[in-house]
Structures are given as C-alpha cells and as structure tokens.
Amino acid sequence: MLSGCPAAAAEPDPSCPIEITLAVLKGRWTPLVFGEFLSGERTYSELSRALPALSDKVLSERLAQLTSAGVLERRRTPGWPVRVTYELTERGRALVPVLAAMRHWGAEAIPS
C-alpha cells in the first residue's frame, strides 16, 4: 500500500496523491509540453514551433490543463500586440524530479 492511497480500492480514489499527480499529467503530449518550460518561460508561438506535430487545439488544451492545475502561470502583458507568456510555478517546478524519475524508470524498462 502506498501512503494515502487505499490498496484494495475498486476504482481510482481522487484524493490519492498519486491519482492527483497523474490527473495533472494526463493526456498525450502533456509531458512534452511541460518539458518545454524546463529552460524558462515560453510564449504560445514558441511552443507551437517547438512542437510542430501538436495541433493548436491540443496545445491550448494542455496549457489550460497545466494552468488550472497550478503548474503553469499565464501572464498577459498589455499593449499591442498582446503578449502572453507561460512559466512554471513553484508547484510546477516541484514536478520536475517526478518527471525525471518517470523518464529514468522508462529508460530502464526499455528492452536491450
């Protein structure tokens, strides 16, 4: 049993810390979008160029998901044109070692 998560649950428990973390990271492309912020703030255009296979719809959804989870902060600079930037919050920076551990585990699981 993992602390805070019942071992014999019939379905996922939304109060389980692991489920909370997985809910933040859910969805295809989320880890790649998140990874773009490891070197600092980004604009939508920069993200779109960095992830060209990602549709605008999915990129917008992932940014909204990460922002609503408190992982990203969205800043709108007044003026013309309006400039919107995204940056990891303290909560988002706390996820970096989690994703690093997931990457390490996945790399170890790849058959030789």
N, C-alpha and C. Protein backbone atom coordinates (compact mmCIF):
# COMPACT_ATOMS: atom_id res chain seq x y z
N MET A 1 0.84 -1.19 0.00
CA MET A 1 0.00 0.00 0.00
C MET A 1 0.88 1.24 0.00
N LEU A 2 0.54 2.19 -0.84
CA LEU A 2 1.24 3.46 -0.87
C LEU A 2 0.51 4.42 0.04
N SER A 3 1.26 5.14 0.81
CA SER A 3 0.69 6.05 1.79
C SER A 3 -0.34 6.99 1.17
N GLY A 4 -1.53 7.00 1.75
CA GLY A 4 -2.59 7.88 1.29
C GLY A 4 -3.46 7.32 0.19
N CYS A 5 -3.12 6.13 -0.31
CA CYS A 5 -3.88 5.51 -1.38
C CYS A 5 -4.31 4.11 -0.94
N PRO A 6 -5.61 3.84 -0.86
CA PRO A 6 -6.05 2.52 -0.43
C PRO A 6 -5.62 1.43 -1.41
N ALA A 7 -5.12 0.33 -0.87
CA ALA A 7 -4.61 -0.76 -1.70
C ALA A 7 -5.72 -1.55 -2.38
N ALA A 8 -6.86 -1.67 -1.75
CA ALA A 8 -7.92 -2.52 -2.28
C ALA A 8 -9.09 -1.70 -2.83
N ALA A 9 -8.81 -0.55 -3.40
CA ALA A 9 -9.88 0.29 -3.93
C ALA A 9 -10.46 -0.33 -5.20
N ALA A 10 -11.77 -0.26 -5.34
CA ALA A 10 -12.44 -0.80 -6.51
C ALA A 10 -12.28 0.13 -7.72
N GLU A 11 -12.02 1.39 -7.48
CA GLU A 11 -11.80 2.36 -8.55
C GLU A 11 -10.87 3.45 -8.04
N PRO A 12 -10.32 4.26 -8.94
CA PRO A 12 -9.38 5.30 -8.51
C PRO A 12 -9.99 6.24 -7.47
N ASP A 13 -9.18 6.59 -6.51
CA ASP A 13 -9.60 7.49 -5.45
C ASP A 13 -9.04 8.89 -5.76
N PRO A 14 -9.91 9.86 -6.05
CA PRO A 14 -9.42 11.20 -6.43
C PRO A 14 -8.66 11.92 -5.31
N SER A 15 -8.70 11.40 -4.09
CA SER A 15 -7.93 12.03 -3.02
C SER A 15 -6.56 11.39 -2.84
N CYS A 16 -6.27 10.35 -3.61
CA CYS A 16 -4.96 9.69 -3.56
C CYS A 16 -3.93 10.62 -4.20
N PRO A 17 -2.82 10.91 -3.51
CA PRO A 17 -1.81 11.80 -4.07
C PRO A 17 -1.27 11.36 -5.43
N ILE A 18 -1.18 10.06 -5.65
CA ILE A 18 -0.69 9.57 -6.94
C ILE A 18 -1.71 9.87 -8.03
N GLU A 19 -2.99 9.67 -7.74
CA GLU A 19 -4.04 9.98 -8.71
C GLU A 19 -4.07 11.48 -9.03
N ILE A 20 -3.83 12.30 -8.03
CA ILE A 20 -3.79 13.75 -8.24
C ILE A 20 -2.65 14.10 -9.20
N THR A 21 -1.49 13.51 -8.98
CA THR A 21 -0.34 13.76 -9.85
C THR A 21 -0.61 13.28 -11.27
N LEU A 22 -1.17 12.09 -11.40
CA LEU A 22 -1.47 11.55 -12.73
C LEU A 22 -2.53 12.39 -13.44
N ALA A 23 -3.47 12.94 -12.71
CA ALA A 23 -4.50 13.79 -13.32
C ALA A 23 -3.88 15.05 -13.91
N VAL A 24 -2.86 15.59 -13.25
CA VAL A 24 -2.17 16.79 -13.77
C VAL A 24 -1.42 16.44 -15.05
N LEU A 25 -0.84 15.25 -15.10
CA LEU A 25 0.00 14.86 -16.23
C LEU A 25 -0.77 14.10 -17.31
N LYS A 26 -2.07 13.97 -17.16
CA LYS A 26 -2.85 13.15 -18.10
C LYS A 26 -2.85 13.76 -19.50
N GLY A 27 -3.04 12.91 -20.44
CA GLY A 27 -3.18 13.34 -21.82
C GLY A 27 -1.89 13.23 -22.60
N ARG A 28 -2.08 12.85 -23.84
CA ARG A 28 -0.95 12.76 -24.75
C ARG A 28 -0.35 14.15 -24.93
N TRP A 29 0.92 14.24 -25.00
CA TRP A 29 1.68 15.48 -25.19
C TRP A 29 1.95 16.26 -23.91
N THR A 30 1.24 16.00 -22.83
CA THR A 30 1.42 16.80 -21.62
C THR A 30 2.86 16.81 -21.14
N PRO A 31 3.54 15.66 -21.02
CA PRO A 31 4.94 15.71 -20.56
C PRO A 31 5.84 16.51 -21.51
N LEU A 32 5.59 16.44 -22.82
CA LEU A 32 6.41 17.19 -23.77
C LEU A 32 6.16 18.69 -23.65
N VAL A 33 4.91 19.08 -23.48
CA VAL A 33 4.59 20.50 -23.28
C VAL A 33 5.26 20.97 -22.00
N PHE A 34 5.10 20.19 -20.92
CA PHE A 34 5.72 20.53 -19.64
C PHE A 34 7.23 20.70 -19.81
N GLY A 35 7.85 19.79 -20.52
CA GLY A 35 9.30 19.80 -20.71
C GLY A 35 9.82 21.05 -21.38
N GLU A 36 8.99 21.70 -22.19
CA GLU A 36 9.40 22.93 -22.86
C GLU A 36 9.66 24.07 -21.87
N PHE A 37 9.14 23.95 -20.66
CA PHE A 37 9.29 25.02 -19.67
C PHE A 37 10.49 24.83 -18.76
N LEU A 38 11.25 23.77 -18.96
CA LEU A 38 12.39 23.50 -18.08
C LEU A 38 13.47 24.56 -18.20
N SER A 39 13.52 25.25 -19.33
CA SER A 39 14.54 26.28 -19.50
C SER A 39 13.95 27.70 -19.39
N GLY A 40 12.72 27.81 -18.92
CA GLY A 40 12.17 29.15 -18.70
C GLY A 40 10.83 29.37 -19.35
N GLU A 41 10.39 30.63 -19.30
CA GLU A 41 9.06 30.97 -19.81
C GLU A 41 9.00 30.81 -21.33
N ARG A 42 7.79 30.60 -21.81
CA ARG A 42 7.56 30.41 -23.23
C ARG A 42 6.28 31.12 -23.65
N THR A 43 6.24 31.53 -24.91
CA THR A 43 5.01 32.05 -25.49
C THR A 43 4.34 30.90 -26.25
N TYR A 44 3.09 31.12 -26.59
CA TYR A 44 2.34 30.12 -27.36
C TYR A 44 3.06 29.84 -28.68
N SER A 45 3.53 30.89 -29.34
CA SER A 45 4.20 30.73 -30.63
C SER A 45 5.47 29.89 -30.50
N GLU A 46 6.24 30.14 -29.44
CA GLU A 46 7.46 29.36 -29.22
C GLU A 46 7.13 27.88 -29.01
N LEU A 47 6.07 27.63 -28.24
CA LEU A 47 5.67 26.24 -28.01
C LEU A 47 5.19 25.58 -29.30
N SER A 48 4.44 26.32 -30.08
CA SER A 48 3.93 25.79 -31.34
C SER A 48 5.07 25.43 -32.29
N ARG A 49 6.10 26.27 -32.33
CA ARG A 49 7.27 25.98 -33.18
C ARG A 49 8.08 24.80 -32.63
N ALA A 50 8.18 24.70 -31.31
CA ALA A 50 8.97 23.62 -30.70
C ALA A 50 8.29 22.26 -30.84
N LEU A 51 6.97 22.27 -30.93
CA LEU A 51 6.20 21.02 -31.03
C LEU A 51 5.32 21.06 -32.28
N PRO A 52 5.93 21.03 -33.47
CA PRO A 52 5.16 21.23 -34.71
C PRO A 52 4.11 20.17 -35.00
N ALA A 53 4.24 18.97 -34.47
CA ALA A 53 3.26 17.91 -34.71
C ALA A 53 2.03 18.06 -33.83
N LEU A 54 2.08 18.97 -32.87
CA LEU A 54 0.99 19.18 -31.92
C LEU A 54 0.01 20.20 -32.49
N SER A 55 -1.26 19.85 -32.55
CA SER A 55 -2.27 20.77 -33.08
C SER A 55 -2.49 21.94 -32.13
N ASP A 56 -2.95 23.06 -32.67
CA ASP A 56 -3.24 24.23 -31.84
C ASP A 56 -4.29 23.91 -30.78
N LYS A 57 -5.27 23.09 -31.15
CA LYS A 57 -6.34 22.72 -30.20
C LYS A 57 -5.75 21.99 -28.99
N VAL A 58 -4.92 20.99 -29.25
CA VAL A 58 -4.35 20.20 -28.16
C VAL A 58 -3.38 21.05 -27.34
N LEU A 59 -2.58 21.88 -27.99
CA LEU A 59 -1.66 22.75 -27.25
C LEU A 59 -2.45 23.68 -26.33
N SER A 60 -3.51 24.27 -26.82
CA SER A 60 -4.34 25.14 -25.99
C SER A 60 -4.94 24.38 -24.82
N GLU A 61 -5.41 23.15 -25.08
CA GLU A 61 -5.98 22.32 -24.01
C GLU A 61 -4.94 21.99 -22.95
N ARG A 62 -3.73 21.61 -23.38
CA ARG A 62 -2.69 21.25 -22.41
C ARG A 62 -2.25 22.46 -21.59
N LEU A 63 -2.14 23.62 -22.21
CA LEU A 63 -1.78 24.83 -21.47
C LEU A 63 -2.86 25.17 -20.45
N ALA A 64 -4.12 25.05 -20.84
CA ALA A 64 -5.23 25.32 -19.91
C ALA A 64 -5.22 24.31 -18.77
N GLN A 65 -4.98 23.04 -19.08
CA GLN A 65 -4.93 21.98 -18.06
C GLN A 65 -3.83 22.25 -17.06
N LEU A 66 -2.63 22.56 -17.54
CA LEU A 66 -1.49 22.78 -16.65
C LEU A 66 -1.65 24.09 -15.85
N THR A 67 -2.29 25.08 -16.46
CA THR A 67 -2.55 26.33 -15.76
C THR A 67 -3.59 26.13 -14.66
N SER A 68 -4.66 25.42 -14.98
CA SER A 68 -5.71 25.20 -13.97
C SER A 68 -5.22 24.31 -12.82
N ALA A 69 -4.22 23.47 -13.09
CA ALA A 69 -3.66 22.62 -12.04
C ALA A 69 -2.64 23.38 -11.19
N GLY A 70 -2.34 24.61 -11.55
CA GLY A 70 -1.39 25.41 -10.79
C GLY A 70 0.06 25.11 -11.12
N VAL A 71 0.29 24.42 -12.23
CA VAL A 71 1.64 24.04 -12.65
C VAL A 71 2.27 25.16 -13.48
N LEU A 72 1.45 25.84 -14.27
CA LEU A 72 1.90 26.96 -15.08
C LEU A 72 1.21 28.23 -14.63
N GLU A 73 1.91 29.34 -14.81
CA GLU A 73 1.31 30.65 -14.61
C GLU A 73 1.21 31.30 -15.98
N ARG A 74 0.05 31.85 -16.27
CA ARG A 74 -0.18 32.55 -17.54
C ARG A 74 -0.12 34.04 -17.26
N ARG A 75 0.75 34.74 -18.00
CA ARG A 75 0.88 36.18 -17.82
C ARG A 75 0.55 36.89 -19.12
N ARG A 76 -0.33 37.85 -19.02
CA ARG A 76 -0.74 38.64 -20.19
C ARG A 76 -0.16 40.03 -20.03
N THR A 77 0.65 40.44 -20.99
CA THR A 77 1.26 41.76 -20.98
C THR A 77 0.41 42.69 -21.83
N PRO A 78 -0.08 43.79 -21.26
CA PRO A 78 -0.90 44.71 -22.04
C PRO A 78 -0.09 45.37 -23.16
N GLY A 79 -0.79 45.86 -24.12
CA GLY A 79 -0.16 46.53 -25.26
C GLY A 79 -0.61 45.88 -26.54
N TRP A 80 -0.02 46.35 -27.63
CA TRP A 80 -0.37 45.79 -28.93
C TRP A 80 0.89 45.36 -29.64
N PRO A 81 1.01 44.16 -30.06
CA PRO A 81 0.06 43.09 -29.79
C PRO A 81 0.18 42.60 -28.34
N VAL A 82 -0.89 42.02 -27.87
CA VAL A 82 -0.88 41.46 -26.52
C VAL A 82 0.12 40.31 -26.49
N ARG A 83 0.91 40.25 -25.45
CA ARG A 83 1.90 39.16 -25.32
C ARG A 83 1.49 38.30 -24.13
N VAL A 84 1.35 37.01 -24.38
CA VAL A 84 1.01 36.06 -23.32
C VAL A 84 2.19 35.11 -23.16
N THR A 85 2.66 34.99 -21.92
CA THR A 85 3.73 34.05 -21.63
C THR A 85 3.27 33.07 -20.57
N TYR A 86 3.89 31.91 -20.58
CA TYR A 86 3.62 30.87 -19.60
C TYR A 86 4.94 30.52 -18.93
N GLU A 87 4.86 30.23 -17.63
CA GLU A 87 6.07 29.87 -16.89
C GLU A 87 5.69 28.90 -15.78
N LEU A 88 6.61 28.01 -15.44
CA LEU A 88 6.37 27.07 -14.35
C LEU A 88 6.20 27.83 -13.03
N THR A 89 5.25 27.38 -12.24
CA THR A 89 5.07 27.90 -10.90
C THR A 89 5.97 27.09 -9.96
N GLU A 90 5.96 27.45 -8.70
CA GLU A 90 6.70 26.66 -7.72
C GLU A 90 6.18 25.22 -7.70
N ARG A 91 4.85 25.09 -7.79
CA ARG A 91 4.23 23.76 -7.84
C ARG A 91 4.70 22.99 -9.08
N GLY A 92 4.83 23.70 -10.19
CA GLY A 92 5.31 23.07 -11.42
C GLY A 92 6.76 22.64 -11.32
N ARG A 93 7.59 23.49 -10.73
CA ARG A 93 8.99 23.13 -10.55
C ARG A 93 9.15 21.91 -9.64
N ALA A 94 8.21 21.73 -8.72
CA ALA A 94 8.25 20.55 -7.84
C ALA A 94 7.97 19.27 -8.61
N LEU A 95 7.36 19.37 -9.79
CA LEU A 95 7.08 18.18 -10.63
C LEU A 95 8.30 17.73 -11.42
N VAL A 96 9.30 18.58 -11.56
CA VAL A 96 10.47 18.25 -12.38
C VAL A 96 11.12 16.94 -11.93
N PRO A 97 11.42 16.75 -10.64
CA PRO A 97 12.03 15.46 -10.25
C PRO A 97 11.09 14.27 -10.45
N VAL A 98 9.79 14.50 -10.38
CA VAL A 98 8.83 13.41 -10.61
C VAL A 98 8.94 12.94 -12.06
N LEU A 99 8.94 13.88 -12.99
CA LEU A 99 9.07 13.51 -14.40
C LEU A 99 10.45 12.93 -14.70
N ALA A 100 11.48 13.44 -14.04
CA ALA A 100 12.82 12.88 -14.22
C ALA A 100 12.85 11.42 -13.76
N ALA A 101 12.20 11.13 -12.65
CA ALA A 101 12.14 9.75 -12.15
C ALA A 101 11.34 8.87 -13.12
N MET A 102 10.26 9.40 -13.68
CA MET A 102 9.48 8.63 -14.65
C MET A 102 10.31 8.34 -15.90
N ARG A 103 11.07 9.34 -16.34
CA ARG A 103 11.93 9.16 -17.52
C ARG A 103 12.99 8.09 -17.22
N HIS A 104 13.59 8.16 -16.07
CA HIS A 104 14.61 7.18 -15.68
C HIS A 104 14.01 5.78 -15.63
N TRP A 105 12.85 5.66 -15.01
CA TRP A 105 12.20 4.35 -14.91
C TRP A 105 11.87 3.81 -16.30
N GLY A 106 11.34 4.67 -17.17
CA GLY A 106 11.01 4.25 -18.52
C GLY A 106 12.23 3.83 -19.32
N ALA A 107 13.33 4.55 -19.14
CA ALA A 107 14.57 4.21 -19.84
C ALA A 107 15.10 2.85 -19.38
N GLU A 108 14.95 2.58 -18.09
CA GLU A 108 15.40 1.29 -17.54
C GLU A 108 14.50 0.14 -18.04
N ALA A 109 13.25 0.44 -18.35
CA ALA A 109 12.30 -0.58 -18.77
C ALA A 109 12.41 -0.95 -20.24
N ILE A 110 13.15 -0.14 -21.01
CA ILE A 110 13.29 -0.43 -22.44
C ILE A 110 14.18 -1.65 -22.60
N PRO A 111 13.66 -2.68 -23.32
CA PRO A 111 14.47 -3.89 -23.52
C PRO A 111 15.73 -3.58 -24.32
N SER A 112 16.80 -4.24 -23.96
CA SER A 112 18.08 -4.03 -24.69
C SER A 112 18.11 -4.80 -25.97
